[in-house]
C-alpha cells in the first residue's frame, strides 16, 4: 500500500499552512502527521533548494503519493514545477494537485497537463533568453563594459608587468597586490597578446 505525503508551503511567518492541511484532508487524503511537511520559505526559492522539500525527498520512496494544494507550492515558475515533478516521477512518486481537480500528474491527463506546463516553461525560458540578449545588446550599444570589473586597474597592471619583467615570482606579485596568481598570469598573458 502506498504512503501519502503532503507538502504545504507558505512564504512568510505571518501565514499558516493549516488551510492547506485542511484542504488535503477534506479531499479525502489520510496523511499521518509525520508525513506532512510544512515549510515557510519564499516561492522564489527553487524547490531543490528548500530545506523542508529536501527532507521530504529523503522520506519519499517508489510508490508513494505526494499531495499539494496548488502547483505553485512545488515551484517558483513553470520551469521549476516541471523539473520538480519530473524528478518525483523519476523516483516513482505520484504527484496529486488539488487545484487541478485532484489530478495525478503522472496519469495520462496529468501527463497532458505537464505537457502544457512544459510548453509554458519553454516559452518562459525563451523569453528570459530573449530579454537577456536584448539587455546585453542595449548595454553594449550604450558603450557599457560587460562582465566583471578587472581586479587590477591599468596602473596596477603596468606595475605588475614591470615587476614580472624584473624577475619577481608570480606568487610574490600576487601577494603584493592581494590577488590570485591567475589574475597576475592573465595580466602577463594579455600583455603578450597585444
N, C-alpha and C. Protein backbone atom coordinates (compact mmCIF):
# COMPACT_ATOMS: atom_id res chain seq x y z
N UNK A 1 0.84 -1.19 0.00
CA UNK A 1 0.00 0.00 0.00
C UNK A 1 0.89 1.25 0.00
N UNK A 2 0.55 2.21 -0.84
CA UNK A 2 1.38 3.40 -0.95
C UNK A 2 1.14 4.36 0.22
N UNK A 3 2.21 5.04 0.58
CA UNK A 3 2.12 6.03 1.65
C UNK A 3 1.75 7.37 1.02
N UNK A 4 1.05 8.19 1.78
CA UNK A 4 0.64 9.51 1.30
C UNK A 4 1.36 10.58 2.10
N UNK A 5 1.99 11.51 1.39
CA UNK A 5 2.68 12.64 2.00
C UNK A 5 1.99 13.92 1.53
N UNK A 6 2.11 14.95 2.35
CA UNK A 6 1.59 16.27 1.98
C UNK A 6 2.72 17.27 2.10
N UNK A 7 2.83 18.15 1.11
CA UNK A 7 3.81 19.23 1.17
C UNK A 7 3.04 20.54 1.19
N UNK A 8 3.20 21.27 2.28
CA UNK A 8 2.48 22.53 2.47
C UNK A 8 3.50 23.64 2.69
N UNK A 9 3.41 24.68 1.88
CA UNK A 9 4.38 25.77 1.96
C UNK A 9 3.69 27.11 2.02
N UNK A 10 4.21 28.01 2.85
CA UNK A 10 3.79 29.41 2.86
C UNK A 10 5.05 30.26 2.71
N UNK A 11 4.86 31.51 2.33
CA UNK A 11 6.01 32.38 2.05
C UNK A 11 6.52 33.15 3.26
N UNK A 12 5.62 33.49 4.19
CA UNK A 12 6.03 34.31 5.33
C UNK A 12 5.56 33.70 6.64
N UNK A 13 6.20 34.10 7.73
CA UNK A 13 5.87 33.57 9.06
C UNK A 13 4.47 33.99 9.50
N UNK A 14 3.94 35.06 8.92
CA UNK A 14 2.59 35.51 9.28
C UNK A 14 1.51 34.60 8.69
N UNK A 15 1.87 33.79 7.71
CA UNK A 15 0.92 32.88 7.07
C UNK A 15 0.97 31.53 7.77
N UNK A 16 -0.06 30.72 7.52
CA UNK A 16 -0.11 29.39 8.12
C UNK A 16 -0.43 28.34 7.06
N UNK A 17 0.07 27.15 7.29
CA UNK A 17 -0.19 26.04 6.37
C UNK A 17 -1.45 25.27 6.77
N UNK A 18 -2.10 25.69 7.85
CA UNK A 18 -3.27 24.96 8.36
C UNK A 18 -4.35 24.80 7.30
N UNK A 19 -4.59 25.82 6.50
CA UNK A 19 -5.61 25.73 5.44
C UNK A 19 -5.26 24.66 4.42
N UNK A 20 -3.98 24.57 4.06
CA UNK A 20 -3.56 23.57 3.09
C UNK A 20 -3.75 22.16 3.65
N UNK A 21 -3.37 21.97 4.91
CA UNK A 21 -3.54 20.67 5.54
C UNK A 21 -5.02 20.30 5.57
N UNK A 22 -5.87 21.26 5.89
CA UNK A 22 -7.32 21.02 5.95
C UNK A 22 -7.87 20.68 4.57
N UNK A 23 -7.43 21.39 3.53
CA UNK A 23 -7.88 21.11 2.16
C UNK A 23 -7.53 19.69 1.74
N UNK A 24 -6.32 19.28 2.07
CA UNK A 24 -5.86 17.93 1.70
C UNK A 24 -6.70 16.87 2.42
N UNK A 25 -6.99 17.11 3.68
CA UNK A 25 -7.82 16.19 4.45
C UNK A 25 -9.25 16.16 3.90
N UNK A 26 -9.80 17.33 3.58
CA UNK A 26 -11.16 17.42 3.04
C UNK A 26 -11.27 16.74 1.68
N UNK A 27 -10.16 16.64 0.95
CA UNK A 27 -10.17 15.97 -0.36
C UNK A 27 -10.14 14.45 -0.22
N UNK A 28 -10.07 13.97 1.03
CA UNK A 28 -10.13 12.54 1.28
C UNK A 28 -8.79 11.86 1.48
N UNK A 29 -7.73 12.62 1.56
CA UNK A 29 -6.41 12.03 1.78
C UNK A 29 -6.16 11.87 3.27
N UNK A 30 -5.78 10.69 3.67
CA UNK A 30 -5.44 10.40 5.06
C UNK A 30 -3.92 10.47 5.17
N UNK A 31 -3.44 11.55 5.72
CA UNK A 31 -1.99 11.77 5.83
C UNK A 31 -1.64 11.80 7.32
N UNK A 32 -0.78 10.89 7.73
CA UNK A 32 -0.37 10.89 9.13
C UNK A 32 0.52 12.11 9.39
N UNK A 33 0.47 12.65 10.60
CA UNK A 33 1.19 13.89 10.91
C UNK A 33 2.68 13.86 10.56
N UNK A 34 3.35 12.72 10.73
CA UNK A 34 4.78 12.67 10.43
C UNK A 34 5.06 12.72 8.93
N UNK A 35 4.01 12.60 8.12
CA UNK A 35 4.19 12.66 6.66
C UNK A 35 3.69 13.98 6.07
N UNK A 36 3.40 14.94 6.95
CA UNK A 36 3.02 16.28 6.50
C UNK A 36 4.25 17.17 6.66
N UNK A 37 4.77 17.63 5.55
CA UNK A 37 5.95 18.50 5.56
C UNK A 37 5.45 19.93 5.37
N UNK A 38 5.69 20.77 6.38
CA UNK A 38 5.30 22.18 6.30
C UNK A 38 6.58 23.02 6.26
N UNK A 39 6.51 24.10 5.50
CA UNK A 39 7.71 24.91 5.31
C UNK A 39 7.32 26.35 5.09
N UNK A 40 8.10 27.24 5.68
CA UNK A 40 7.94 28.67 5.45
C UNK A 40 9.16 29.13 4.68
N UNK A 41 8.97 29.32 3.39
CA UNK A 41 10.06 29.75 2.52
C UNK A 41 9.44 30.43 1.30
N UNK A 42 10.11 31.44 0.81
CA UNK A 42 9.61 32.18 -0.34
C UNK A 42 9.44 31.29 -1.56
N UNK A 43 8.42 31.57 -2.34
CA UNK A 43 8.20 30.84 -3.58
C UNK A 43 9.28 31.11 -4.60
N UNK A 44 10.09 32.15 -4.37
CA UNK A 44 11.17 32.45 -5.31
C UNK A 44 12.35 31.50 -5.15
N UNK A 45 12.33 30.70 -4.08
CA UNK A 45 13.40 29.72 -3.85
C UNK A 45 13.01 28.43 -4.56
N UNK A 46 13.90 27.92 -5.39
CA UNK A 46 13.62 26.68 -6.12
C UNK A 46 13.37 25.55 -5.13
N UNK A 47 12.49 24.63 -5.50
CA UNK A 47 12.14 23.51 -4.62
C UNK A 47 13.38 22.74 -4.20
N UNK A 48 14.31 22.56 -5.12
CA UNK A 48 15.52 21.78 -4.83
C UNK A 48 16.40 22.45 -3.77
N UNK A 49 16.18 23.74 -3.51
CA UNK A 49 16.99 24.48 -2.55
C UNK A 49 16.29 24.67 -1.21
N UNK A 50 15.09 24.14 -1.06
CA UNK A 50 14.32 24.31 0.17
C UNK A 50 14.65 23.20 1.16
N UNK A 51 14.97 23.56 2.40
CA UNK A 51 15.32 22.52 3.39
C UNK A 51 14.18 21.52 3.63
N UNK A 52 12.96 22.00 3.78
CA UNK A 52 11.83 21.11 4.03
C UNK A 52 11.58 20.17 2.86
N UNK A 53 11.70 20.69 1.65
CA UNK A 53 11.48 19.86 0.49
C UNK A 53 12.58 18.80 0.38
N UNK A 54 13.81 19.18 0.74
CA UNK A 54 14.90 18.22 0.76
C UNK A 54 14.63 17.09 1.75
N UNK A 55 14.09 17.45 2.91
CA UNK A 55 13.70 16.45 3.91
C UNK A 55 12.64 15.51 3.35
N UNK A 56 11.68 16.09 2.64
CA UNK A 56 10.62 15.30 2.02
C UNK A 56 11.21 14.31 1.01
N UNK A 57 12.12 14.77 0.18
CA UNK A 57 12.73 13.89 -0.82
C UNK A 57 13.43 12.70 -0.17
N UNK A 58 14.03 12.94 0.99
CA UNK A 58 14.71 11.85 1.70
C UNK A 58 13.74 10.81 2.24
N UNK A 59 12.49 11.20 2.48
CA UNK A 59 11.49 10.29 3.03
C UNK A 59 10.74 9.51 1.95
N UNK A 60 10.60 10.11 0.76
CA UNK A 60 9.79 9.50 -0.30
C UNK A 60 10.43 8.25 -0.87
N UNK A 61 9.57 7.28 -1.19
CA UNK A 61 10.02 6.05 -1.83
C UNK A 61 9.12 5.76 -3.02
N UNK A 62 9.57 4.87 -3.86
CA UNK A 62 8.79 4.48 -5.03
C UNK A 62 7.41 4.00 -4.60
N UNK A 63 6.38 4.45 -5.28
CA UNK A 63 5.00 4.06 -4.98
C UNK A 63 4.29 5.03 -4.05
N UNK A 64 5.02 5.97 -3.46
CA UNK A 64 4.40 6.96 -2.57
C UNK A 64 3.60 7.98 -3.39
N UNK A 65 2.71 8.68 -2.68
CA UNK A 65 1.90 9.73 -3.29
C UNK A 65 2.20 11.03 -2.55
N UNK A 66 2.46 12.08 -3.32
CA UNK A 66 2.67 13.41 -2.75
C UNK A 66 1.49 14.28 -3.15
N UNK A 67 0.87 14.92 -2.16
CA UNK A 67 -0.29 15.77 -2.41
C UNK A 67 0.07 17.21 -2.11
N UNK A 68 -0.26 18.10 -3.04
CA UNK A 68 -0.12 19.55 -2.84
C UNK A 68 -1.44 20.21 -3.19
N UNK A 69 -1.70 21.36 -2.59
CA UNK A 69 -2.96 22.04 -2.89
C UNK A 69 -2.90 22.75 -4.23
N UNK A 70 -1.73 23.33 -4.56
CA UNK A 70 -1.56 24.05 -5.82
C UNK A 70 -0.17 23.76 -6.36
N UNK A 71 -0.01 23.91 -7.67
CA UNK A 71 1.30 23.68 -8.27
C UNK A 71 2.36 24.65 -7.78
N UNK A 72 1.94 25.88 -7.44
CA UNK A 72 2.94 26.86 -7.01
C UNK A 72 3.56 26.51 -5.67
N UNK A 73 2.99 25.53 -4.96
CA UNK A 73 3.64 25.04 -3.73
C UNK A 73 4.91 24.29 -4.10
N UNK A 74 4.94 23.70 -5.30
CA UNK A 74 6.08 22.90 -5.75
C UNK A 74 7.19 23.71 -6.39
N UNK A 75 6.87 24.83 -6.99
CA UNK A 75 7.91 25.55 -7.71
C UNK A 75 7.62 27.01 -7.89
N UNK A 76 8.67 27.74 -8.22
CA UNK A 76 8.57 29.19 -8.34
C UNK A 76 8.03 29.63 -9.70
N UNK A 77 8.15 28.76 -10.71
CA UNK A 77 7.63 29.06 -12.04
C UNK A 77 7.43 27.74 -12.77
N UNK A 78 6.96 27.82 -13.99
CA UNK A 78 6.65 26.60 -14.75
C UNK A 78 7.89 25.72 -14.92
N UNK A 79 9.06 26.33 -15.12
CA UNK A 79 10.27 25.54 -15.30
C UNK A 79 10.61 24.76 -14.02
N UNK A 80 10.48 25.42 -12.89
CA UNK A 80 10.80 24.77 -11.61
C UNK A 80 9.78 23.68 -11.30
N UNK A 81 8.50 23.94 -11.56
CA UNK A 81 7.47 22.92 -11.33
C UNK A 81 7.74 21.70 -12.20
N UNK A 82 8.04 21.95 -13.46
CA UNK A 82 8.32 20.84 -14.38
C UNK A 82 9.48 20.00 -13.88
N UNK A 83 10.58 20.66 -13.51
CA UNK A 83 11.76 19.95 -13.03
C UNK A 83 11.44 19.14 -11.78
N UNK A 84 10.68 19.73 -10.87
CA UNK A 84 10.33 19.05 -9.62
C UNK A 84 9.45 17.84 -9.88
N UNK A 85 8.41 18.01 -10.71
CA UNK A 85 7.51 16.89 -10.99
C UNK A 85 8.25 15.78 -11.74
N UNK A 86 9.12 16.15 -12.68
CA UNK A 86 9.89 15.13 -13.40
C UNK A 86 10.79 14.35 -12.45
N UNK A 87 11.42 15.05 -11.49
CA UNK A 87 12.28 14.38 -10.52
C UNK A 87 11.47 13.41 -9.66
N UNK A 88 10.30 13.85 -9.22
CA UNK A 88 9.44 12.99 -8.40
C UNK A 88 8.95 11.79 -9.20
N UNK A 89 8.55 12.04 -10.44
CA UNK A 89 8.10 10.95 -11.31
C UNK A 89 9.22 9.94 -11.52
N UNK A 90 10.43 10.44 -11.70
CA UNK A 90 11.59 9.57 -11.87
C UNK A 90 11.85 8.70 -10.65
N UNK A 91 11.42 9.17 -9.48
CA UNK A 91 11.57 8.40 -8.25
C UNK A 91 10.43 7.38 -8.08
N UNK A 92 9.44 7.47 -8.99
CA UNK A 92 8.29 6.58 -8.87
C UNK A 92 7.23 7.10 -7.92
N UNK A 93 7.25 8.41 -7.67
CA UNK A 93 6.29 9.05 -6.78
C UNK A 93 5.19 9.70 -7.61
N UNK A 94 3.94 9.43 -7.26
CA UNK A 94 2.80 10.08 -7.92
C UNK A 94 2.57 11.43 -7.25
N UNK A 95 2.25 12.43 -8.05
CA UNK A 95 2.02 13.78 -7.53
C UNK A 95 0.58 14.16 -7.82
N UNK A 96 -0.18 14.46 -6.75
CA UNK A 96 -1.57 14.89 -6.90
C UNK A 96 -1.67 16.37 -6.56
N UNK A 97 -2.37 17.11 -7.41
CA UNK A 97 -2.57 18.54 -7.20
C UNK A 97 -4.07 18.81 -7.06
N UNK A 98 -4.48 19.29 -5.89
CA UNK A 98 -5.91 19.52 -5.63
C UNK A 98 -6.48 20.61 -6.54
N UNK A 99 -5.72 21.67 -6.80
CA UNK A 99 -6.22 22.78 -7.62
C UNK A 99 -6.50 22.37 -9.05
N UNK A 100 -5.93 21.25 -9.48
CA UNK A 100 -6.18 20.74 -10.84
C UNK A 100 -7.19 19.60 -10.79
N UNK A 101 -8.13 19.68 -9.86
CA UNK A 101 -9.16 18.65 -9.75
C UNK A 101 -8.63 17.36 -9.18
N UNK A 102 -7.69 17.48 -8.24
CA UNK A 102 -7.06 16.32 -7.60
C UNK A 102 -6.40 15.42 -8.65
N UNK A 103 -5.80 16.06 -9.64
CA UNK A 103 -5.19 15.33 -10.75
C UNK A 103 -3.87 14.70 -10.34
N UNK A 104 -3.70 13.45 -10.72
CA UNK A 104 -2.44 12.74 -10.58
C UNK A 104 -1.60 13.16 -11.79
N UNK A 105 -0.53 13.88 -11.55
CA UNK A 105 0.27 14.42 -12.66
C UNK A 105 1.05 13.34 -13.41
N UNK A 106 1.01 12.10 -12.90
CA UNK A 106 1.66 11.00 -13.61
C UNK A 106 0.66 10.19 -14.44
N UNK A 107 -0.63 10.53 -14.34
CA UNK A 107 -1.67 9.85 -15.14
C UNK A 107 -1.64 10.40 -16.56
N UNK A 108 -2.37 9.77 -17.49
CA UNK A 108 -2.41 10.31 -18.86
C UNK A 108 -2.87 11.77 -18.91
N UNK A 109 -3.94 12.10 -18.17
CA UNK A 109 -4.40 13.50 -18.16
C UNK A 109 -3.35 14.39 -17.49
N UNK A 110 -2.71 13.87 -16.45
CA UNK A 110 -1.66 14.63 -15.78
C UNK A 110 -0.47 14.86 -16.67
N UNK A 111 -0.12 13.83 -17.46
CA UNK A 111 0.99 13.98 -18.41
C UNK A 111 0.67 15.04 -19.46
N UNK A 112 -0.61 15.08 -19.88
CA UNK A 112 -1.01 16.11 -20.84
C UNK A 112 -0.87 17.50 -20.19
N UNK A 113 -1.31 17.61 -18.94
CA UNK A 113 -1.18 18.88 -18.22
C UNK A 113 0.28 19.26 -18.09
N UNK A 114 1.13 18.28 -17.77
CA UNK A 114 2.55 18.56 -17.67
C UNK A 114 3.13 18.97 -19.03
N UNK A 115 2.55 18.43 -20.12
CA UNK A 115 2.97 18.85 -21.45
C UNK A 115 2.71 20.32 -21.66
N UNK A 116 1.55 20.77 -21.21
CA UNK A 116 1.22 22.20 -21.31
C UNK A 116 2.18 23.01 -20.43
N UNK A 117 2.42 22.52 -19.22
CA UNK A 117 3.35 23.20 -18.32
C UNK A 117 4.74 23.25 -18.94
N UNK A 118 5.16 22.17 -19.57
CA UNK A 118 6.47 22.15 -20.24
C UNK A 118 6.54 23.18 -21.35
N UNK A 119 5.43 23.31 -22.11
CA UNK A 119 5.40 24.31 -23.19
C UNK A 119 5.52 25.71 -22.60
N UNK A 120 4.82 25.95 -21.50
CA UNK A 120 4.89 27.26 -20.84
C UNK A 120 6.31 27.49 -20.31
N UNK A 121 6.91 26.45 -19.74
CA UNK A 121 8.27 26.57 -19.21
C UNK A 121 9.25 26.91 -20.32
N UNK A 122 9.11 26.24 -21.45
CA UNK A 122 10.00 26.52 -22.58
C UNK A 122 9.79 27.95 -23.08
N UNK A 123 8.54 28.38 -23.12
CA UNK A 123 8.22 29.75 -23.53
C UNK A 123 8.85 30.74 -22.55
N UNK A 124 8.72 30.48 -21.24
CA UNK A 124 9.32 31.35 -20.23
C UNK A 124 10.84 31.42 -20.42
N UNK A 125 11.47 30.28 -20.64
CA UNK A 125 12.92 30.23 -20.81
C UNK A 125 13.32 31.03 -22.05
N UNK A 126 12.59 30.85 -23.16
CA UNK A 126 12.90 31.58 -24.39
C UNK A 126 12.75 33.08 -24.19
N UNK A 127 11.69 33.49 -23.48
CA UNK A 127 11.50 34.93 -23.21
C UNK A 127 12.64 35.48 -22.35
N UNK A 128 13.06 34.70 -21.36
CA UNK A 128 14.15 35.13 -20.50
C UNK A 128 15.44 35.31 -21.31
N UNK A 129 15.73 34.37 -22.17
CA UNK A 129 16.92 34.45 -23.02
C UNK A 129 16.82 35.67 -23.94
N UNK A 130 15.64 35.86 -24.52
CA UNK A 130 15.43 36.99 -25.43
C UNK A 130 15.62 38.32 -24.70
N UNK A 131 15.05 38.45 -23.49
CA UNK A 131 15.20 39.69 -22.72
C UNK A 131 16.65 39.90 -22.31
N UNK A 132 17.32 38.83 -21.94
CA UNK A 132 18.73 38.95 -21.55
C UNK A 132 19.58 39.41 -22.73
N UNK A 133 19.37 38.80 -23.88
CA UNK A 133 20.14 39.19 -25.08
C UNK A 133 19.85 40.64 -25.46
N UNK A 134 18.58 41.04 -25.38
CA UNK A 134 18.23 42.43 -25.71
C UNK A 134 18.90 43.40 -24.73
N UNK A 135 18.93 43.05 -23.46
CA UNK A 135 19.57 43.90 -22.45
C UNK A 135 21.07 44.00 -22.68
N UNK A 136 21.71 42.88 -23.02
CA UNK A 136 23.14 42.91 -23.30
C UNK A 136 23.45 43.75 -24.54
N UNK A 137 22.63 43.60 -25.57
CA UNK A 137 22.83 44.38 -26.80
C UNK A 137 22.68 45.87 -26.53
N UNK A 138 21.66 46.23 -25.74
CA UNK A 138 21.44 47.63 -25.40
C UNK A 138 22.62 48.18 -24.61
N UNK A 139 23.10 47.41 -23.64
CA UNK A 139 24.23 47.86 -22.82
C UNK A 139 25.48 48.06 -23.68
N UNK A 140 25.73 47.13 -24.60
CA UNK A 140 26.88 47.27 -25.50
C UNK A 140 26.73 48.52 -26.37
N UNK A 141 25.52 48.74 -26.88
CA UNK A 141 25.27 49.90 -27.74
C UNK A 141 25.48 51.21 -26.97
N UNK A 142 25.23 51.18 -25.67
CA UNK A 142 25.43 52.37 -24.84
C UNK A 142 26.88 52.52 -24.40
N UNK A 143 27.73 51.58 -24.83
CA UNK A 143 29.15 51.66 -24.52
C UNK A 143 29.53 51.10 -23.16
N UNK A 144 28.63 50.38 -22.51
CA UNK A 144 28.95 49.82 -21.20
C UNK A 144 29.84 48.60 -21.37
N UNK A 145 30.77 48.46 -20.44
CA UNK A 145 31.67 47.31 -20.44
C UNK A 145 30.97 46.19 -19.68
N UNK A 146 30.88 45.03 -20.31
CA UNK A 146 30.19 43.91 -19.70
C UNK A 146 31.17 43.00 -18.97
N UNK A 147 30.66 42.24 -18.05
CA UNK A 147 31.47 41.30 -17.30
C UNK A 147 31.95 41.90 -15.99
N UNK A 148 32.75 41.10 -15.31
CA UNK A 148 33.28 41.53 -14.02
C UNK A 148 34.28 42.66 -14.21
N UNK A 149 34.37 43.50 -13.20
CA UNK A 149 35.40 44.54 -13.22
C UNK A 149 36.76 43.87 -13.06
N UNK A 150 37.76 44.40 -13.72
CA UNK A 150 39.10 43.83 -13.55
C UNK A 150 39.55 43.96 -12.09
N UNK A 151 40.30 42.98 -11.62
CA UNK A 151 40.81 43.02 -10.25
C UNK A 151 41.85 44.12 -10.08
N UNK A 152 42.56 44.41 -11.15
CA UNK A 152 43.62 45.42 -11.11
C UNK A 152 43.32 46.52 -12.13
N UNK A 153 43.55 47.77 -11.74
CA UNK A 153 43.35 48.86 -12.70
C UNK A 153 44.57 48.92 -13.63
N UNK A 154 44.56 49.87 -14.57
CA UNK A 154 45.62 49.93 -15.58
C UNK A 154 46.99 50.22 -14.97
N UNK A 155 47.03 51.11 -13.98
CA UNK A 155 48.31 51.43 -13.33
C UNK A 155 48.86 50.20 -12.61
N UNK A 156 48.00 49.48 -11.92
CA UNK A 156 48.43 48.28 -11.21
C UNK A 156 48.93 47.23 -12.21
N UNK A 157 48.22 47.09 -13.32
CA UNK A 157 48.62 46.10 -14.33
C UNK A 157 50.00 46.44 -14.89
N UNK A 158 50.27 47.73 -15.14
CA UNK A 158 51.60 48.14 -15.62
C UNK A 158 52.66 47.82 -14.56
N UNK A 159 52.33 48.08 -13.31
CA UNK A 159 53.25 47.79 -12.21
C UNK A 159 53.53 46.29 -12.12
N UNK A 160 52.49 45.47 -12.29
CA UNK A 160 52.64 44.01 -12.28
C UNK A 160 53.61 43.60 -13.38
N UNK A 161 53.41 44.13 -14.59
CA UNK A 161 54.27 43.76 -15.72
C UNK A 161 55.72 44.14 -15.47
N UNK A 162 55.93 45.33 -14.90
CA UNK A 162 57.32 45.75 -14.65
C UNK A 162 57.97 44.85 -13.59
N UNK A 163 57.22 44.43 -12.58
CA UNK A 163 57.77 43.53 -11.56
C UNK A 163 58.09 42.15 -12.16
N UNK A 164 57.18 41.68 -13.01
CA UNK A 164 57.44 40.38 -13.65
C UNK A 164 58.66 40.47 -14.56
N UNK A 165 58.78 41.59 -15.30
CA UNK A 165 59.94 41.79 -16.17
C UNK A 165 61.23 41.85 -15.36
N UNK A 166 61.11 42.34 -14.12
CA UNK A 166 62.29 42.43 -13.24
C UNK A 166 62.64 41.08 -12.64
N UNK A 167 61.82 40.06 -12.92
CA UNK A 167 62.13 38.71 -12.47
C UNK A 167 61.43 38.27 -11.19
N UNK A 168 60.49 39.08 -10.67
CA UNK A 168 59.79 38.68 -9.45
C UNK A 168 58.87 37.50 -9.75
N UNK A 169 58.68 36.64 -8.77
CA UNK A 169 57.82 35.46 -8.93
C UNK A 169 56.34 35.87 -8.98
N UNK A 170 55.58 35.12 -9.75
CA UNK A 170 54.15 35.39 -9.89
C UNK A 170 53.47 35.37 -8.53
N UNK A 171 53.79 34.39 -7.70
CA UNK A 171 53.14 34.27 -6.38
C UNK A 171 53.45 35.49 -5.51
N UNK A 172 54.71 35.97 -5.57
CA UNK A 172 55.09 37.14 -4.77
C UNK A 172 54.33 38.39 -5.23
N UNK A 173 54.21 38.55 -6.53
CA UNK A 173 53.48 39.70 -7.07
C UNK A 173 52.00 39.60 -6.69
N UNK A 174 51.45 38.41 -6.75
CA UNK A 174 50.04 38.22 -6.38
C UNK A 174 49.82 38.60 -4.92
N UNK A 175 50.74 38.18 -4.03
CA UNK A 175 50.61 38.54 -2.61
C UNK A 175 50.69 40.05 -2.43
N UNK A 176 51.59 40.68 -3.15
CA UNK A 176 51.78 42.13 -3.04
C UNK A 176 50.50 42.89 -3.42
N UNK A 177 49.80 42.40 -4.45
CA UNK A 177 48.60 43.08 -4.92
C UNK A 177 47.31 42.48 -4.34
N UNK A 178 47.49 41.53 -3.41
CA UNK A 178 46.35 40.89 -2.73
C UNK A 178 45.34 40.34 -3.75
N UNK A 179 45.86 39.56 -4.68
CA UNK A 179 45.02 38.95 -5.71
C UNK A 179 45.53 37.53 -5.96
N UNK A 180 44.91 36.86 -6.89
CA UNK A 180 45.29 35.47 -7.17
C UNK A 180 46.44 35.41 -8.19
N UNK A 181 47.08 34.27 -8.21
CA UNK A 181 48.13 34.03 -9.20
C UNK A 181 47.53 34.07 -10.60
N UNK A 182 46.29 33.55 -10.74
CA UNK A 182 45.64 33.52 -12.04
C UNK A 182 45.45 34.94 -12.59
N UNK A 183 45.13 35.89 -11.70
CA UNK A 183 44.95 37.27 -12.14
C UNK A 183 46.27 37.82 -12.68
N UNK A 184 47.35 37.55 -11.97
CA UNK A 184 48.67 38.02 -12.42
C UNK A 184 49.04 37.39 -13.76
N UNK A 185 48.74 36.09 -13.90
CA UNK A 185 49.06 35.42 -15.17
C UNK A 185 48.20 35.97 -16.32
N UNK A 186 46.93 36.33 -16.02
CA UNK A 186 46.08 36.93 -17.07
C UNK A 186 46.64 38.26 -17.53
N UNK A 187 47.14 39.08 -16.57
CA UNK A 187 47.75 40.37 -16.93
C UNK A 187 48.97 40.11 -17.81
N UNK A 188 49.80 39.16 -17.41
CA UNK A 188 51.00 38.81 -18.18
C UNK A 188 50.63 38.33 -19.59
N UNK A 189 49.63 37.41 -19.66
CA UNK A 189 49.25 36.83 -20.95
C UNK A 189 48.61 37.88 -21.86
N UNK A 190 47.84 38.79 -21.28
CA UNK A 190 47.20 39.84 -22.09
C UNK A 190 48.25 40.77 -22.67
N UNK A 191 49.31 41.01 -21.92
CA UNK A 191 50.40 41.87 -22.44
C UNK A 191 51.15 41.20 -23.56
N UNK A 192 51.24 39.88 -23.51
CA UNK A 192 51.94 39.13 -24.57
C UNK A 192 51.14 39.12 -25.86
N UNK A 193 49.82 39.19 -25.75
CA UNK A 193 48.95 39.14 -26.93
C UNK A 193 48.97 40.46 -27.67
N UNK A 194 49.02 41.58 -26.92
CA UNK A 194 48.95 42.89 -27.58
C UNK A 194 50.26 43.37 -28.10
